[in-house]
Amino acid sequence: MKPATGIFVSAILLILLGLTMVWAAMNRSPGGVNLPVDDHAGDTTSVELDREIPPFQLTSAEEETFDTTSLEGDVWIASFFFTTCPSICKMQNQQIAILQEEFADDGLKFVSITCDPDTDTPEVLRQYAESFQAEPDVWTFLTGDMDKLKKIVEESFLVMFETQTHSDRLMVIDKQGKLRGSFRATDDTDFRRCQKMIKELLAEPYEAKKEPVEKEVAKKDEPKQTMDSFQLSDSLDLPFNSKSLNGDIWLGSFFYTSCPGTCILQNMEKAKLRNEFKDRGLKLVSITCDPENDTPAALAGYAERFEADPSRWYFLRGEFAKVKQIGDEFFNIEVAEQYHSDRVFLVNREGKVIGSYRTTQKDQMEELQKKLDEMLPKAESAEQPSSDNEKKD
């Protein structure tokens, strides 16, 4: 009796298994891929398209600042994940790896943002990237402070973003920086639609963006400045008056210390000019547009990063209303909290702004370099003998 009973039970189990498989087949996803539901995934039913994604800066797996402005003119895909996820994230990145193989040679780029930055350090991201054979110049993995990550993702891409919780969508951005499509990587039909859109966007022509209309100090038909001088305080919390620079050639600009991208590049360009013209009297002025956080101590620490001589390079702060007024009335440019132009402003010996130059544009920096070389006195040759005794030797 026992063998017969065992056969009967096995038959019942096989029937139940068959019914389960039939039910699963009837309820699989429309695209033919029946992926497991992952309880960490967050998604929205609709995403607003045809809108520009504001540029942002985060830290790459190579521990470098990555600025999405570098993707201008490229079609790129943004996605969200975390490295310890064993299911949805892995499947999503496998799909991205397929897209990389198919479109990398055509110029498609990928940006994957972790939602678990405490775990996903740059070193962890590098190892994770290698597991998908991610090409460093094609597929970039990003991390950063969680509050900043959440703000960027939720405000720019309009999808949920919490620790180990994210959307599984591939966000497709065109060459003009506009979000054109949102596709679920884990849905076969959506994925094919994504591939179709990528081909279309790669074929679209690119029109370079026109620079935002600024109050350019270089335009001769506009008033250049209505403020003759300004007063702020320096990194030692001592008063500073721009009149103290009358008789000097100097460069002014705006920045803030917590800026991870543009400000650093801007001040690196100023440091290069400092080094080139250090013996010819050039002075530098950097004004923070985040005075609430940029205390004198913060400015002093930031100045040390650039080995700034406090007698030649002044890092300044003041009430934001005053900083904004200085931007408007002295430099003739708009300044907002943690927002500023990437320009440096050339000021002559009379305290008049006579030109502005974008630090991100190589040709403009070369033009500024040439202008400074013309305006500054020539440095004395270090090879010149300094005494009659040296001549005899």
Protein backbone atom coordinates (compact mmCIF):
# COMPACT_ATOMS: atom_id res chain seq x y z
CA MET A 1 0.00 0.00 0.00
CA LYS A 2 2.81 2.40 0.78
CA PRO A 3 4.25 2.45 -2.77
CA ALA A 4 0.80 3.13 -4.18
CA THR A 5 0.24 5.92 -1.67
CA GLY A 6 3.58 7.49 -2.66
CA ILE A 7 2.68 7.40 -6.34
CA PHE A 8 -0.69 9.02 -5.62
CA VAL A 9 0.87 11.84 -3.61
CA SER A 10 3.47 12.46 -6.32
CA ALA A 11 0.73 12.63 -8.93
CA ILE A 12 -1.17 15.22 -6.87
CA LEU A 13 1.99 17.33 -6.49
CA LEU A 14 2.66 17.21 -10.24
CA ILE A 15 -0.89 18.35 -10.96
CA LEU A 16 -0.50 21.28 -8.52
CA LEU A 17 2.85 22.23 -10.06
CA GLY A 18 1.29 22.16 -13.52
CA LEU A 19 -1.58 24.42 -12.40
CA THR A 20 0.94 26.83 -10.86
CA MET A 21 2.90 27.04 -14.12
CA VAL A 22 -0.29 27.67 -16.10
CA TRP A 23 -1.26 30.49 -13.72
CA ALA A 24 2.21 32.02 -13.97
CA ALA A 25 2.09 31.90 -17.77
CA MET A 26 -1.29 33.63 -17.80
CA ASN A 27 -0.03 36.39 -15.50
CA ARG A 28 3.42 37.06 -16.89
CA SER A 29 4.41 40.55 -18.04
CA PRO A 30 3.12 41.75 -21.43
CA GLY A 31 6.61 41.70 -22.94
CA GLY A 32 7.14 38.04 -22.22
CA VAL A 33 9.61 38.54 -19.32
CA ASN A 34 8.35 37.34 -15.95
CA LEU A 35 10.79 38.92 -13.49
CA PRO A 36 10.50 38.64 -9.72
CA VAL A 37 8.91 41.54 -7.88
CA ASP A 38 11.52 43.29 -5.75
CA ASP A 39 10.17 45.06 -2.72
CA HIS A 40 12.91 47.73 -2.81
CA ALA A 41 11.84 49.09 -6.20
CA GLY A 42 10.06 52.42 -6.31
CA ASP A 43 8.36 53.75 -9.43
CA THR A 44 5.91 56.33 -10.69
CA THR A 45 3.13 55.72 -13.17
CA SER A 46 4.08 58.69 -15.35
CA VAL A 47 7.12 60.85 -15.94
CA GLU A 48 6.97 64.33 -17.46
CA LEU A 49 8.89 64.29 -20.73
CA ASP A 50 10.36 66.89 -23.10
CA ARG A 51 11.88 68.94 -20.30
CA GLU A 52 15.49 69.84 -19.70
CA ILE A 53 17.41 67.95 -17.03
CA PRO A 54 19.41 70.53 -15.01
CA PRO A 55 23.16 69.85 -14.90
CA PHE A 56 24.47 68.23 -11.72
CA GLN A 57 27.80 67.16 -10.25
CA LEU A 58 28.51 63.96 -8.29
CA THR A 59 31.51 61.76 -7.48
CA SER A 60 32.49 59.01 -9.91
CA ALA A 61 33.88 55.56 -9.21
CA GLU A 62 37.27 57.05 -10.11
CA GLU A 63 36.82 59.50 -7.19
CA GLU A 64 36.62 62.45 -9.55
CA THR A 65 33.93 65.09 -9.89
CA PHE A 66 31.60 64.20 -12.75
CA ASP A 67 29.61 67.07 -14.26
CA THR A 68 26.74 66.21 -16.61
CA THR A 69 27.52 69.31 -18.66
CA SER A 70 30.25 67.11 -20.15
CA LEU A 71 27.43 65.10 -21.78
CA GLU A 72 26.13 68.03 -23.81
CA GLY A 73 25.74 66.85 -27.39
CA ASP A 74 25.49 63.20 -26.34
CA VAL A 75 22.48 60.92 -25.98
CA TRP A 76 22.68 59.43 -22.48
CA ILE A 77 20.73 57.20 -20.13
CA ALA A 78 20.32 57.76 -16.39
CA SER A 79 19.48 54.87 -14.08
CA PHE A 80 19.37 54.13 -10.35
CA PHE A 81 20.61 51.10 -8.39
CA PHE A 82 22.63 49.84 -5.43
CA THR A 83 25.40 47.26 -5.57
CA THR A 84 24.12 44.83 -2.90
CA CYS A 85 20.78 44.33 -4.66
CA PRO A 86 20.74 40.73 -5.94
CA SER A 87 17.76 40.92 -8.30
CA ILE A 88 16.18 43.93 -10.01
CA CYS A 89 19.33 46.08 -10.03
CA LYS A 90 21.40 43.26 -11.42
CA MET A 91 18.87 42.55 -14.18
CA GLN A 92 18.59 46.26 -14.96
CA ASN A 93 22.35 46.65 -15.32
CA GLN A 94 22.54 43.52 -17.45
CA GLN A 95 20.12 45.27 -19.81
CA ILE A 96 22.29 48.39 -19.77
CA ALA A 97 25.30 46.22 -20.61
CA ILE A 98 23.36 45.05 -23.69
CA LEU A 99 22.76 48.67 -24.70
CA GLN A 100 26.44 49.47 -24.14
CA GLU A 101 27.48 46.69 -26.47
CA GLU A 102 24.94 47.77 -29.08
CA PHE A 103 25.35 51.57 -29.02
CA ALA A 104 28.65 52.55 -27.34
CA ASP A 105 30.40 52.97 -30.69
CA ASP A 106 27.59 55.32 -31.78
CA GLY A 107 28.24 57.64 -28.83
CA LEU A 108 25.57 56.57 -26.31
CA LYS A 109 26.58 57.24 -22.67
CA PHE A 110 25.26 55.87 -19.37
CA VAL A 111 25.04 57.38 -15.88
CA SER A 112 24.10 55.04 -13.00
CA ILE A 113 23.43 56.63 -9.59
CA THR A 114 23.55 54.61 -6.38
CA CYS A 115 20.86 54.96 -3.72
CA ASP A 116 23.08 53.42 -1.03
CA PRO A 117 26.11 55.76 -0.85
CA ASP A 118 27.17 54.58 2.62
CA THR A 119 27.88 51.14 1.16
CA ASP A 120 28.67 52.07 -2.42
CA THR A 121 32.01 53.78 -2.04
CA PRO A 122 34.00 54.63 -5.18
CA GLU A 123 36.07 51.45 -4.67
CA VAL A 124 32.92 49.32 -4.43
CA LEU A 125 31.52 51.01 -7.54
CA ARG A 126 34.72 50.29 -9.48
CA GLN A 127 34.47 46.59 -8.69
CA TYR A 128 30.76 46.59 -9.54
CA ALA A 129 31.41 48.34 -12.85
CA GLU A 130 34.00 45.73 -13.76
CA SER A 131 31.47 42.95 -13.18
CA PHE A 132 29.36 44.40 -16.03
CA GLN A 133 32.40 45.19 -18.20
CA ALA A 134 31.47 48.87 -18.07
CA GLU A 135 33.66 51.03 -20.31
CA PRO A 136 34.94 53.94 -18.15
CA ASP A 137 34.39 56.61 -20.81
CA VAL A 138 30.95 55.26 -21.68
CA TRP A 139 29.29 54.06 -18.47
CA THR A 140 29.80 56.17 -15.33
CA PHE A 141 28.79 55.06 -11.83
CA LEU A 142 28.10 57.91 -9.40
CA THR A 143 27.77 58.42 -5.67
CA GLY A 144 27.60 61.33 -3.23
CA ASP A 145 25.85 62.60 -0.13
CA MET A 146 22.43 60.92 0.18
CA ASP A 147 20.54 64.18 0.68
CA LYS A 148 22.11 65.59 -2.47
CA LEU A 149 21.45 62.39 -4.43
CA LYS A 150 17.80 62.38 -3.37
CA LYS A 151 17.35 66.04 -4.31
CA ILE A 152 18.90 65.55 -7.76
CA VAL A 153 16.96 62.41 -8.63
CA GLU A 154 13.56 63.40 -7.26
CA GLU A 155 13.62 66.99 -8.54
CA SER A 156 15.27 66.31 -11.91
CA PHE A 157 13.88 62.90 -12.86
CA LEU A 158 10.65 62.97 -10.78
CA VAL A 159 11.01 59.40 -9.49
CA MET A 160 11.18 57.98 -5.97
CA PHE A 161 14.62 57.76 -4.40
CA GLU A 162 15.33 56.49 -0.89
CA THR A 163 18.05 54.35 0.64
CA GLN A 164 17.95 51.03 -1.25
CA THR A 165 14.71 52.14 -2.93
CA HIS A 166 14.59 53.46 -6.48
CA SER A 167 12.87 53.35 -9.85
CA ASP A 168 13.92 50.64 -12.33
CA ARG A 169 13.38 53.00 -15.26
CA LEU A 170 15.94 53.96 -17.87
CA MET A 171 15.69 57.72 -18.37
CA VAL A 172 16.73 58.65 -21.93
CA ILE A 173 18.14 62.16 -22.40
CA ASP A 174 18.72 63.62 -25.86
CA LYS A 175 21.63 65.65 -27.24
CA GLN A 176 19.98 68.89 -26.11
CA GLY A 177 19.77 67.66 -22.50
CA LYS A 178 16.02 66.97 -22.57
CA LEU A 179 14.35 63.92 -21.07
CA ARG A 180 12.73 62.18 -24.03
CA GLY A 181 11.80 58.73 -22.73
CA SER A 182 11.28 56.64 -19.60
CA PHE A 183 11.37 52.86 -19.97
CA ARG A 184 11.28 49.96 -17.53
CA ALA A 185 14.48 48.02 -18.02
CA THR A 186 12.89 44.84 -16.69
CA ASP A 187 9.99 44.84 -19.15
CA ASP A 188 10.87 43.27 -22.50
CA THR A 189 8.42 45.36 -24.54
CA ASP A 190 9.53 48.60 -22.85
CA PHE A 191 13.17 47.68 -23.38
CA ARG A 192 12.64 47.21 -27.13
CA ARG A 193 10.88 50.58 -27.25
CA CYS A 194 13.90 52.06 -25.49
CA GLN A 195 16.24 50.62 -28.12
CA LYS A 196 14.08 52.09 -30.89
CA MET A 197 14.13 55.57 -29.30
CA ILE A 198 17.91 55.44 -28.81
CA LYS A 199 18.43 54.80 -32.52
CA GLU A 200 16.17 57.75 -33.37
CA LEU A 201 17.87 60.15 -30.95
CA LEU A 202 21.37 59.18 -32.05
CA ALA A 203 20.35 60.06 -35.61
CA GLU A 204 19.04 63.51 -34.62
CA PRO A 205 21.29 66.51 -35.37
CA TYR A 206 22.78 68.45 -32.48
CA GLU A 207 22.40 72.19 -32.19
CA ALA A 208 24.81 73.76 -29.72
CA LYS A 209 23.05 75.67 -26.98
CA LYS A 210 23.29 79.42 -27.06
CA GLU A 211 24.85 80.92 -23.98
CA PRO A 212 22.30 82.37 -21.54
CA VAL A 213 21.82 86.07 -22.03
CA GLU A 214 23.88 87.69 -19.29
CA LYS A 215 24.55 91.28 -18.45
CA GLU A 216 27.88 91.16 -20.23
CA VAL A 217 30.44 93.64 -18.98
CA ALA A 218 32.25 93.38 -22.31
CA LYS A 219 29.44 95.04 -24.27
CA LYS A 220 30.42 98.62 -24.90
CA ASP A 221 26.86 99.80 -25.47
CA GLU A 222 25.76 98.85 -21.93
CA PRO A 223 26.70 100.50 -18.64
CA LYS A 224 29.57 98.47 -17.22
CA GLN A 225 29.18 99.19 -13.52
CA THR A 226 27.36 101.59 -11.23
CA MET A 227 29.32 100.78 -8.06
CA ASP A 228 32.83 102.22 -7.73
CA SER A 229 34.00 99.98 -4.90
CA PHE A 230 32.73 97.50 -2.31
CA GLN A 231 33.46 96.39 1.24
CA LEU A 232 33.46 92.81 2.54
CA SER A 233 35.51 90.77 5.04
CA ASP A 234 38.28 88.28 4.29
CA SER A 235 39.17 84.78 5.52
CA LEU A 236 40.76 86.30 8.63
CA ASP A 237 37.47 88.13 9.32
CA LEU A 238 39.23 91.43 8.63
CA PRO A 239 37.58 94.22 6.63
CA PHE A 240 38.42 94.39 2.94
CA ASN A 241 37.82 97.37 0.64
CA SER A 242 38.25 96.93 -3.10
CA LYS A 243 39.75 100.43 -3.21
CA SER A 244 42.85 98.90 -1.61
CA LEU A 245 43.51 97.30 -5.01
CA ASN A 246 43.49 100.58 -6.92
CA GLY A 247 46.78 100.65 -8.81
CA ASP A 248 46.71 96.87 -9.27
CA ILE A 249 45.39 94.62 -12.05
CA TRP A 250 43.06 92.02 -10.53
CA LEU A 251 40.61 89.24 -11.37
CA GLY A 252 37.28 88.88 -9.55
CA SER A 253 34.89 85.93 -9.45
CA PHE A 254 32.14 84.24 -7.40
CA PHE A 255 32.18 80.75 -5.89
CA TYR A 256 31.17 78.71 -2.83
CA THR A 257 33.26 76.17 -0.95
CA SER A 258 30.84 73.21 -1.09
CA CYS A 259 30.55 73.38 -4.89
CA PRO A 260 32.04 70.09 -6.21
CA GLY A 261 32.50 71.01 -9.85
CA THR A 262 32.47 74.41 -11.55
CA CYS A 263 33.92 76.38 -8.63
CA ILE A 264 36.90 74.06 -8.30
CA LEU A 265 37.62 74.20 -12.03
CA GLN A 266 37.20 77.97 -11.98
CA ASN A 267 39.66 78.44 -9.12
CA MET A 268 42.11 76.01 -10.69
CA GLU A 269 42.16 78.28 -13.75
CA LYS A 270 42.76 81.29 -11.49
CA ALA A 271 45.55 79.39 -9.75
CA LYS A 272 47.21 78.76 -13.13
CA LEU A 273 47.13 82.49 -13.87
CA ARG A 274 48.43 83.20 -10.36
CA ASN A 275 51.38 80.92 -11.00
CA GLU A 276 52.12 82.39 -14.42
CA PHE A 277 51.93 86.03 -13.33
CA LYS A 278 52.94 85.75 -9.66
CA ASP A 279 56.00 87.96 -10.13
CA ARG A 280 54.13 90.57 -12.14
CA GLY A 281 51.69 91.91 -9.56
CA LEU A 282 48.44 90.15 -10.46
CA LYS A 283 45.88 90.03 -7.60
CA LEU A 284 42.86 87.70 -7.26
CA VAL A 285 39.50 88.17 -5.52
CA SER A 286 37.01 85.32 -4.91
CA ILE A 287 33.64 86.16 -3.35
CA THR A 288 31.44 83.44 -1.84
CA CYS A 289 27.75 83.33 -2.77
CA ASP A 290 27.04 81.06 0.21
CA PRO A 291 28.08 83.26 3.16
CA GLU A 292 25.83 81.39 5.58
CA ASN A 293 28.01 78.29 5.31
CA ASP A 294 31.27 79.86 4.17
CA THR A 295 32.56 81.16 7.49
CA PRO A 296 35.99 82.81 7.71
CA ALA A 297 37.40 79.45 8.85
CA ALA A 298 35.81 77.68 5.86
CA LEU A 299 37.27 80.27 3.50
CA ALA A 300 40.71 79.93 5.09
CA GLY A 301 40.62 76.15 4.65
CA TYR A 302 39.48 76.50 1.06
CA ALA A 303 42.23 79.02 0.33
CA GLU A 304 44.82 76.53 1.60
CA ARG A 305 43.67 74.01 -1.02
CA PHE A 306 44.90 76.42 -3.69
CA GLU A 307 47.98 77.50 -1.74
CA ALA A 308 46.64 81.04 -1.87
CA ASP A 309 48.90 83.80 -0.60
CA PRO A 310 46.53 85.97 1.56
CA SER A 311 48.32 89.12 0.41
CA ARG A 312 47.59 88.35 -3.26
CA TRP A 313 44.47 86.17 -3.35
CA TYR A 314 41.53 87.35 -1.24
CA PHE A 315 38.63 85.05 -0.33
CA LEU A 316 35.75 87.28 0.75
CA ARG A 317 32.32 87.04 2.37
CA GLY A 318 29.52 89.30 3.58
CA GLU A 319 25.75 89.43 3.95
CA PHE A 320 24.21 87.79 0.91
CA ALA A 321 22.19 90.90 0.05
CA LYS A 322 25.46 92.81 -0.20
CA VAL A 323 27.11 90.06 -2.27
CA LYS A 324 24.17 90.10 -4.68
CA GLN A 325 24.39 93.88 -4.92
CA ILE A 326 28.10 93.66 -5.72
CA GLY A 327 27.31 91.18 -8.48
CA ASP A 328 24.60 93.44 -9.90
CA GLU A 329 26.27 96.83 -9.57
CA PHE A 330 30.02 96.21 -9.69
CA PHE A 331 30.39 93.17 -11.98
CA ASN A 332 27.08 93.62 -13.80
CA ILE A 333 26.12 89.95 -13.43
CA GLU A 334 23.43 87.98 -11.63
CA VAL A 335 24.36 86.17 -8.41
CA ALA A 336 22.06 83.91 -6.38
CA GLU A 337 22.65 81.70 -3.35
CA GLN A 338 24.92 78.84 -4.47
CA TYR A 339 24.53 80.03 -8.05
CA HIS A 340 26.90 82.17 -10.07
CA SER A 341 28.56 82.62 -13.44
CA ASP A 342 31.73 80.67 -14.27
CA ARG A 343 33.31 83.91 -15.47
CA VAL A 344 36.29 85.81 -14.12
CA PHE A 345 36.25 89.59 -14.41
CA LEU A 346 39.28 91.65 -15.36
CA VAL A 347 39.58 94.88 -13.35
CA ASN A 348 42.04 97.62 -14.28
CA ARG A 349 44.17 99.86 -12.06
CA GLU A 350 41.33 102.38 -11.69
CA GLY A 351 38.93 99.75 -10.33
CA LYS A 352 36.92 99.47 -13.55
CA VAL A 353 35.74 96.12 -14.94
CA ILE A 354 37.04 95.95 -18.50
CA GLY A 355 36.24 92.38 -19.52
CA SER A 356 34.85 88.98 -18.53
CA TYR A 357 36.05 85.52 -19.51
CA ARG A 358 34.51 82.06 -19.10
CA THR A 359 36.89 79.75 -17.25
CA THR A 360 35.34 76.72 -18.99
CA GLN A 361 36.20 78.03 -22.45
CA LYS A 362 39.82 77.43 -23.47
CA ASP A 363 39.83 80.15 -26.13
CA GLN A 364 38.55 82.77 -23.67
CA MET A 365 41.18 81.84 -21.09
CA GLU A 366 43.88 82.12 -23.73
CA GLU A 367 42.51 85.56 -24.62
CA LEU A 368 42.63 86.59 -20.95
CA GLN A 369 46.17 85.27 -20.62
CA LYS A 370 47.25 87.37 -23.60
CA LYS A 371 45.50 90.45 -22.19
CA LEU A 372 47.21 90.07 -18.82
CA ASP A 373 50.57 89.66 -20.51
CA GLU A 374 50.00 93.02 -22.24
CA MET A 375 48.79 94.86 -19.14
CA LEU A 376 51.15 93.60 -16.44
CA PRO A 377 54.75 94.81 -16.13
CA LYS A 378 57.44 92.41 -17.27
CA ALA A 379 59.15 90.44 -14.50
CA GLU A 380 62.86 91.07 -13.97
CA SER A 381 65.01 88.27 -15.36
CA ALA A 382 66.18 85.89 -12.65
CA GLU A 383 69.41 85.29 -14.61
CA GLN A 384 70.51 88.93 -14.41
CA PRO A 385 73.61 89.35 -12.20
CA SER A 386 72.80 91.29 -9.05
CA SER A 387 76.28 92.60 -8.17
CA ASP A 388 79.71 93.39 -9.54
CA ASN A 389 81.15 90.44 -7.60
CA GLU A 390 78.77 88.05 -9.41
CA LYS A 391 79.93 89.48 -12.74
CA LYS A 392 83.55 88.71 -11.89
CA ASP A 393 82.70 85.15 -10.89
